[in-house]
PDB file of N, CA and C in Angstrom:
ATOM      1  N   UNK A   1      -3.617  -2.261 -31.806  1.00  0.00           N
ATOM      2  CA  UNK A   1      -4.625  -2.853 -30.943  1.00  0.00           C
ATOM      3  C   UNK A   1      -4.459  -2.277 -29.543  1.00  0.00           C
ATOM      4  N   UNK A   2      -5.556  -2.081 -28.893  1.00  0.00           N
ATOM      5  CA  UNK A   2      -5.536  -1.520 -27.550  1.00  0.00           C
ATOM      6  C   UNK A   2      -6.105  -2.536 -26.567  1.00  0.00           C
ATOM      7  N   UNK A   3      -5.536  -2.562 -25.397  1.00  0.00           N
ATOM      8  CA  UNK A   3      -6.033  -3.423 -24.327  1.00  0.00           C
ATOM      9  C   UNK A   3      -6.000  -2.609 -23.048  1.00  0.00           C
ATOM     10  N   UNK A   4      -7.148  -2.425 -22.456  1.00  0.00           N
ATOM     11  CA  UNK A   4      -7.231  -1.590 -21.264  1.00  0.00           C
ATOM     12  C   UNK A   4      -7.795  -2.394 -20.110  1.00  0.00           C
ATOM     13  N   UNK A   5      -7.284  -2.130 -18.931  1.00  0.00           N
ATOM     14  CA  UNK A   5      -7.797  -2.757 -17.714  1.00  0.00           C
ATOM     15  C   UNK A   5      -8.493  -1.666 -16.917  1.00  0.00           C
ATOM     16  N   UNK A   6      -9.762  -1.884 -16.609  1.00  0.00           N
ATOM     17  CA  UNK A   6     -10.521  -0.931 -15.807  1.00  0.00           C
ATOM     18  C   UNK A   6     -10.630  -1.464 -14.387  1.00  0.00           C
ATOM     19  N   UNK A   7     -10.304  -0.622 -13.437  1.00  0.00           N
ATOM     20  CA  UNK A   7     -10.420  -0.989 -12.031  1.00  0.00           C
ATOM     21  C   UNK A   7     -11.749  -0.442 -11.508  1.00  0.00           C
ATOM     22  N   UNK A   8     -12.536  -1.311 -10.895  1.00  0.00           N
ATOM     23  CA  UNK A   8     -13.813  -0.906 -10.323  1.00  0.00           C
ATOM     24  C   UNK A   8     -13.757  -1.242  -8.843  1.00  0.00           C
ATOM     25  N   UNK A   9     -13.986  -0.247  -8.022  1.00  0.00           N
ATOM     26  CA  UNK A   9     -13.978  -0.427  -6.582  1.00  0.00           C
ATOM     27  C   UNK A   9     -15.388  -0.139  -6.086  1.00  0.00           C
ATOM     28  N   UNK A  10     -15.935  -1.052  -5.326  1.00  0.00           N
ATOM     29  CA  UNK A  10     -17.304  -0.890  -4.831  1.00  0.00           C
ATOM     30  C   UNK A  10     -17.311  -0.974  -3.306  1.00  0.00           C
ATOM     31  N   UNK A  11     -18.281  -0.335  -2.727  1.00  0.00           N
ATOM     32  CA  UNK A  11     -18.424  -0.377  -1.281  1.00  0.00           C
ATOM     33  C   UNK A  11     -19.755   0.212  -0.875  1.00  0.00           C
ATOM     34  N   UNK A  12     -19.967   0.288   0.398  1.00  0.00           N
ATOM     35  CA  UNK A  12     -21.188   0.887   0.943  1.00  0.00           C
ATOM     36  C   UNK A  12     -20.789   2.030   1.859  1.00  0.00           C
ATOM     37  N   UNK A  13     -21.613   3.055   1.861  1.00  0.00           N
ATOM     38  CA  UNK A  13     -21.328   4.225   2.674  1.00  0.00           C
ATOM     39  C   UNK A  13     -22.632   4.771   3.230  1.00  0.00           C
ATOM     40  N   UNK A  14     -22.664   4.982   4.513  1.00  0.00           N
ATOM     41  CA  UNK A  14     -23.795   5.669   5.147  1.00  0.00           C
ATOM     42  C   UNK A  14     -23.361   7.114   5.348  1.00  0.00           C
ATOM     43  N   UNK A  15     -23.709   7.964   4.405  1.00  0.00           N
ATOM     44  CA  UNK A  15     -23.294   9.355   4.483  1.00  0.00           C
ATOM     45  C   UNK A  15     -22.991   9.893   3.100  1.00  0.00           C
ATOM     46  N   UNK A  16     -22.261  10.974   3.072  1.00  0.00           N
ATOM     47  CA  UNK A  16     -21.912  11.627   1.822  1.00  0.00           C
ATOM     48  C   UNK A  16     -20.428  11.422   1.542  1.00  0.00           C
ATOM     49  N   UNK A  17     -20.073  11.003   0.331  1.00  0.00           N
ATOM     50  CA  UNK A  17     -18.648  10.875   0.007  1.00  0.00           C
ATOM     51  C   UNK A  17     -17.956  12.237   0.087  1.00  0.00           C
ATOM     52  N   UNK A  18     -16.730  12.234   0.569  1.00  0.00           N
ATOM     53  CA  UNK A  18     -15.950  13.466   0.659  1.00  0.00           C
ATOM     54  C   UNK A  18     -14.598  13.238  -0.028  1.00  0.00           C
ATOM     55  N   UNK A  19     -14.582  13.278  -1.370  1.00  0.00           N
ATOM     56  CA  UNK A  19     -13.318  13.049  -2.069  1.00  0.00           C
ATOM     57  C   UNK A  19     -12.317  14.166  -1.796  1.00  0.00           C
ATOM     58  N   UNK A  20     -11.046  13.819  -1.841  1.00  0.00           N
ATOM     59  CA  UNK A  20      -9.969  14.773  -1.636  1.00  0.00           C
ATOM     60  C   UNK A  20      -9.944  15.740  -2.823  1.00  0.00           C
ATOM     61  N   UNK A  21     -10.131  17.038  -2.600  1.00  0.00           N
ATOM     62  CA  UNK A  21     -10.178  17.999  -3.707  1.00  0.00           C
ATOM     63  C   UNK A  21      -8.859  18.091  -4.480  1.00  0.00           C
ATOM     64  N   UNK A  22      -7.766  17.606  -3.901  1.00  0.00           N
ATOM     65  CA  UNK A  22      -6.495  17.580  -4.636  1.00  0.00           C
ATOM     66  C   UNK A  22      -6.475  16.455  -5.667  1.00  0.00           C
ATOM     67  N   UNK A  23      -7.369  15.491  -5.507  1.00  0.00           N
ATOM     68  CA  UNK A  23      -7.406  14.335  -6.402  1.00  0.00           C
ATOM     69  C   UNK A  23      -8.621  14.317  -7.310  1.00  0.00           C
ATOM     70  N   UNK A  24      -9.700  14.982  -6.909  1.00  0.00           N
ATOM     71  CA  UNK A  24     -10.966  14.923  -7.642  1.00  0.00           C
ATOM     72  C   UNK A  24     -11.451  16.339  -7.916  1.00  0.00           C
ATOM     73  N   UNK A  25     -11.591  16.663  -9.197  1.00  0.00           N
ATOM     74  CA  UNK A  25     -12.057  17.997  -9.555  1.00  0.00           C
ATOM     75  C   UNK A  25     -13.572  18.112  -9.438  1.00  0.00           C
ATOM     76  N   UNK A  26     -14.285  17.051  -9.839  1.00  0.00           N
ATOM     77  CA  UNK A  26     -15.742  17.095  -9.828  1.00  0.00           C
ATOM     78  C   UNK A  26     -16.262  15.673  -9.672  1.00  0.00           C
ATOM     79  N   UNK A  27     -17.406  15.517  -9.075  1.00  0.00           N
ATOM     80  CA  UNK A  27     -18.013  14.200  -8.932  1.00  0.00           C
ATOM     81  C   UNK A  27     -19.509  14.374  -8.727  1.00  0.00           C
ATOM     82  N   UNK A  28     -20.229  13.284  -8.901  1.00  0.00           N
ATOM     83  CA  UNK A  28     -21.661  13.266  -8.594  1.00  0.00           C
ATOM     84  C   UNK A  28     -22.065  11.832  -8.286  1.00  0.00           C
ATOM     85  N   UNK A  29     -23.112  11.715  -7.513  1.00  0.00           N
ATOM     86  CA  UNK A  29     -23.648  10.425  -7.089  1.00  0.00           C
ATOM     87  C   UNK A  29     -24.850  10.146  -7.970  1.00  0.00           C
ATOM     88  N   UNK A  30     -24.829   9.046  -8.722  1.00  0.00           N
ATOM     89  CA  UNK A  30     -25.916   8.723  -9.647  1.00  0.00           C
ATOM     90  C   UNK A  30     -26.364   7.283  -9.437  1.00  0.00           C
ATOM     91  N   UNK A  31     -27.644   7.032  -9.624  1.00  0.00           N
ATOM     92  CA  UNK A  31     -28.141   5.659  -9.620  1.00  0.00           C
ATOM     93  C   UNK A  31     -27.747   4.999 -10.946  1.00  0.00           C
ATOM     94  N   UNK A  32     -27.718   3.694 -10.947  1.00  0.00           N
ATOM     95  CA  UNK A  32     -27.388   2.967 -12.178  1.00  0.00           C
ATOM     96  C   UNK A  32     -28.403   3.305 -13.266  1.00  0.00           C
ATOM     97  N   UNK A  33     -29.671   3.374 -12.909  1.00  0.00           N
ATOM     98  CA  UNK A  33     -30.694   3.676 -13.919  1.00  0.00           C
ATOM     99  C   UNK A  33     -30.516   5.083 -14.494  1.00  0.00           C
ATOM    100  N   UNK A  34     -30.093   6.043 -13.672  1.00  0.00           N
ATOM    101  CA  UNK A  34     -29.850   7.398 -14.180  1.00  0.00           C
ATOM    102  C   UNK A  34     -28.667   7.408 -15.148  1.00  0.00           C
ATOM    103  N   UNK A  35     -27.615   6.654 -14.837  1.00  0.00           N
ATOM    104  CA  UNK A  35     -26.461   6.574 -15.741  1.00  0.00           C
ATOM    105  C   UNK A  35     -26.862   5.907 -17.049  1.00  0.00           C
ATOM    106  N   UNK A  36     -27.660   4.850 -16.966  1.00  0.00           N
ATOM    107  CA  UNK A  36     -28.120   4.177 -18.184  1.00  0.00           C
ATOM    108  C   UNK A  36     -28.956   5.121 -19.049  1.00  0.00           C
ATOM    109  N   UNK A  37     -29.793   5.941 -18.429  1.00  0.00           N
ATOM    110  CA  UNK A  37     -30.610   6.898 -19.182  1.00  0.00           C
ATOM    111  C   UNK A  37     -29.719   7.950 -19.848  1.00  0.00           C
ATOM    112  N   UNK A  38     -28.713   8.434 -19.128  1.00  0.00           N
ATOM    113  CA  UNK A  38     -27.783   9.407 -19.707  1.00  0.00           C
ATOM    114  C   UNK A  38     -26.997   8.778 -20.853  1.00  0.00           C
ATOM    115  N   UNK A  39     -26.599   7.544 -20.688  1.00  0.00           N
ATOM    116  CA  UNK A  39     -25.854   6.834 -21.725  1.00  0.00           C
ATOM    117  C   UNK A  39     -26.712   6.652 -22.976  1.00  0.00           C
ATOM    118  N   UNK A  40     -27.974   6.334 -22.791  1.00  0.00           N
ATOM    119  CA  UNK A  40     -28.882   6.166 -23.935  1.00  0.00           C
ATOM    120  C   UNK A  40     -29.133   7.496 -24.648  1.00  0.00           C
ATOM    121  N   UNK A  41     -29.256   8.572 -23.879  1.00  0.00           N
ATOM    122  CA  UNK A  41     -29.564   9.879 -24.456  1.00  0.00           C
ATOM    123  C   UNK A  41     -28.340  10.560 -25.080  1.00  0.00           C
ATOM    124  N   UNK A  42     -27.162  10.333 -24.493  1.00  0.00           N
ATOM    125  CA  UNK A  42     -25.945  11.026 -24.937  1.00  0.00           C
ATOM    126  C   UNK A  42     -24.749  10.074 -24.944  1.00  0.00           C
ATOM    127  N   UNK A  43     -24.755   9.066 -25.788  1.00  0.00           N
ATOM    128  CA  UNK A  43     -23.688   8.061 -25.743  1.00  0.00           C
ATOM    129  C   UNK A  43     -22.291   8.621 -26.020  1.00  0.00           C
ATOM    130  N   UNK A  44     -22.181   9.726 -26.736  1.00  0.00           N
ATOM    131  CA  UNK A  44     -20.866  10.280 -27.049  1.00  0.00           C
ATOM    132  C   UNK A  44     -20.210  10.983 -25.853  1.00  0.00           C
ATOM    133  N   UNK A  45     -20.957  11.165 -24.767  1.00  0.00           N
ATOM    134  CA  UNK A  45     -20.384  11.762 -23.560  1.00  0.00           C
ATOM    135  C   UNK A  45     -19.644  10.733 -22.709  1.00  0.00           C
ATOM    136  N   UNK A  46     -19.683   9.476 -23.123  1.00  0.00           N
ATOM    137  CA  UNK A  46     -19.061   8.392 -22.368  1.00  0.00           C
ATOM    138  C   UNK A  46     -18.020   7.695 -23.246  1.00  0.00           C
ATOM    139  N   UNK A  47     -16.979   7.204 -22.624  1.00  0.00           N
ATOM    140  CA  UNK A  47     -15.983   6.456 -23.390  1.00  0.00           C
ATOM    141  C   UNK A  47     -16.512   5.050 -23.683  1.00  0.00           C
ATOM    142  N   UNK A  48     -15.972   4.449 -24.711  1.00  0.00           N
ATOM    143  CA  UNK A  48     -16.342   3.068 -25.044  1.00  0.00           C
ATOM    144  C   UNK A  48     -15.969   2.134 -23.894  1.00  0.00           C
ATOM    145  N   UNK A  49     -14.851   2.429 -23.220  1.00  0.00           N
ATOM    146  CA  UNK A  49     -14.434   1.580 -22.097  1.00  0.00           C
ATOM    147  C   UNK A  49     -15.418   1.666 -20.940  1.00  0.00           C
ATOM    148  N   UNK A  50     -15.971   2.847 -20.686  1.00  0.00           N
ATOM    149  CA  UNK A  50     -16.969   2.975 -19.625  1.00  0.00           C
ATOM    150  C   UNK A  50     -18.188   2.118 -19.948  1.00  0.00           C
ATOM    151  N   UNK A  51     -18.658   2.217 -21.182  1.00  0.00           N
ATOM    152  CA  UNK A  51     -19.835   1.456 -21.599  1.00  0.00           C
ATOM    153  C   UNK A  51     -19.594  -0.039 -21.469  1.00  0.00           C
ATOM    154  N   UNK A  52     -18.440  -0.512 -21.910  1.00  0.00           N
ATOM    155  CA  UNK A  52     -18.117  -1.941 -21.825  1.00  0.00           C
ATOM    156  C   UNK A  52     -18.017  -2.390 -20.372  1.00  0.00           C
ATOM    157  N   UNK A  53     -17.422  -1.568 -19.534  1.00  0.00           N
ATOM    158  CA  UNK A  53     -17.290  -1.914 -18.111  1.00  0.00           C
ATOM    159  C   UNK A  53     -18.656  -1.959 -17.444  1.00  0.00           C
ATOM    160  N   UNK A  54     -19.497  -0.969 -17.707  1.00  0.00           N
ATOM    161  CA  UNK A  54     -20.848  -0.949 -17.134  1.00  0.00           C
ATOM    162  C   UNK A  54     -21.629  -2.180 -17.579  1.00  0.00           C
ATOM    163  N   UNK A  55     -21.576  -2.501 -18.858  1.00  0.00           N
ATOM    164  CA  UNK A  55     -22.280  -3.684 -19.367  1.00  0.00           C
ATOM    165  C   UNK A  55     -21.787  -4.953 -18.682  1.00  0.00           C
ATOM    166  N   UNK A  56     -20.476  -5.063 -18.494  1.00  0.00           N
ATOM    167  CA  UNK A  56     -19.915  -6.244 -17.838  1.00  0.00           C
ATOM    168  C   UNK A  56     -20.346  -6.369 -16.388  1.00  0.00           C
ATOM    169  N   UNK A  57     -20.359  -5.253 -15.665  1.00  0.00           N
ATOM    170  CA  UNK A  57     -20.791  -5.271 -14.267  1.00  0.00           C
ATOM    171  C   UNK A  57     -22.262  -5.649 -14.153  1.00  0.00           C
ATOM    172  N   UNK A  58     -23.087  -5.109 -15.052  1.00  0.00           N
ATOM    173  CA  UNK A  58     -24.506  -5.431 -15.025  1.00  0.00           C
ATOM    174  C   UNK A  58     -24.742  -6.897 -15.383  1.00  0.00           C
ATOM    175  N   UNK A  59     -24.028  -7.405 -16.373  1.00  0.00           N
ATOM    176  CA  UNK A  59     -24.188  -8.799 -16.809  1.00  0.00           C
ATOM    177  C   UNK A  59     -23.811  -9.772 -15.690  1.00  0.00           C
ATOM    178  N   UNK A  60     -22.878  -9.378 -14.863  1.00  0.00           N
ATOM    179  CA  UNK A  60     -22.434 -10.240 -13.751  1.00  0.00           C
ATOM    180  C   UNK A  60     -23.227 -10.018 -12.478  1.00  0.00           C
ATOM    181  N   UNK A  61     -24.213  -9.126 -12.533  1.00  0.00           N
ATOM    182  CA  UNK A  61     -25.055  -8.865 -11.367  1.00  0.00           C
ATOM    183  C   UNK A  61     -24.331  -8.110 -10.272  1.00  0.00           C
ATOM    184  N   UNK A  62     -23.282  -7.364 -10.627  1.00  0.00           N
ATOM    185  CA  UNK A  62     -22.495  -6.648  -9.627  1.00  0.00           C
ATOM    186  C   UNK A  62     -23.009  -5.238  -9.350  1.00  0.00           C
ATOM    187  N   UNK A  63     -23.979  -4.800 -10.137  1.00  0.00           N
ATOM    188  CA  UNK A  63     -24.624  -3.501  -9.909  1.00  0.00           C
ATOM    189  C   UNK A  63     -26.133  -3.726  -9.853  1.00  0.00           C
ATOM    190  N   UNK A  64     -26.779  -2.869  -9.078  1.00  0.00           N
ATOM    191  CA  UNK A  64     -28.242  -2.926  -8.994  1.00  0.00           C
ATOM    192  C   UNK A  64     -28.820  -1.619  -9.437  1.00  0.00           C
TER     193      UNK A  64
END
């Protein structure tokens, strides 16, 4: 049996994120609706944990 804890950090930013290249190889900024469309079109590109976490955040009204 597996039990995973997903950490979700949220905030607001006026500008462009600048992740540390030593820590982040690639990133992109997506709207929730764009992620949902990608998930519907290509569900195997996402982990089951990502899908469960996204569903939980949406169910709790924590994402718009």
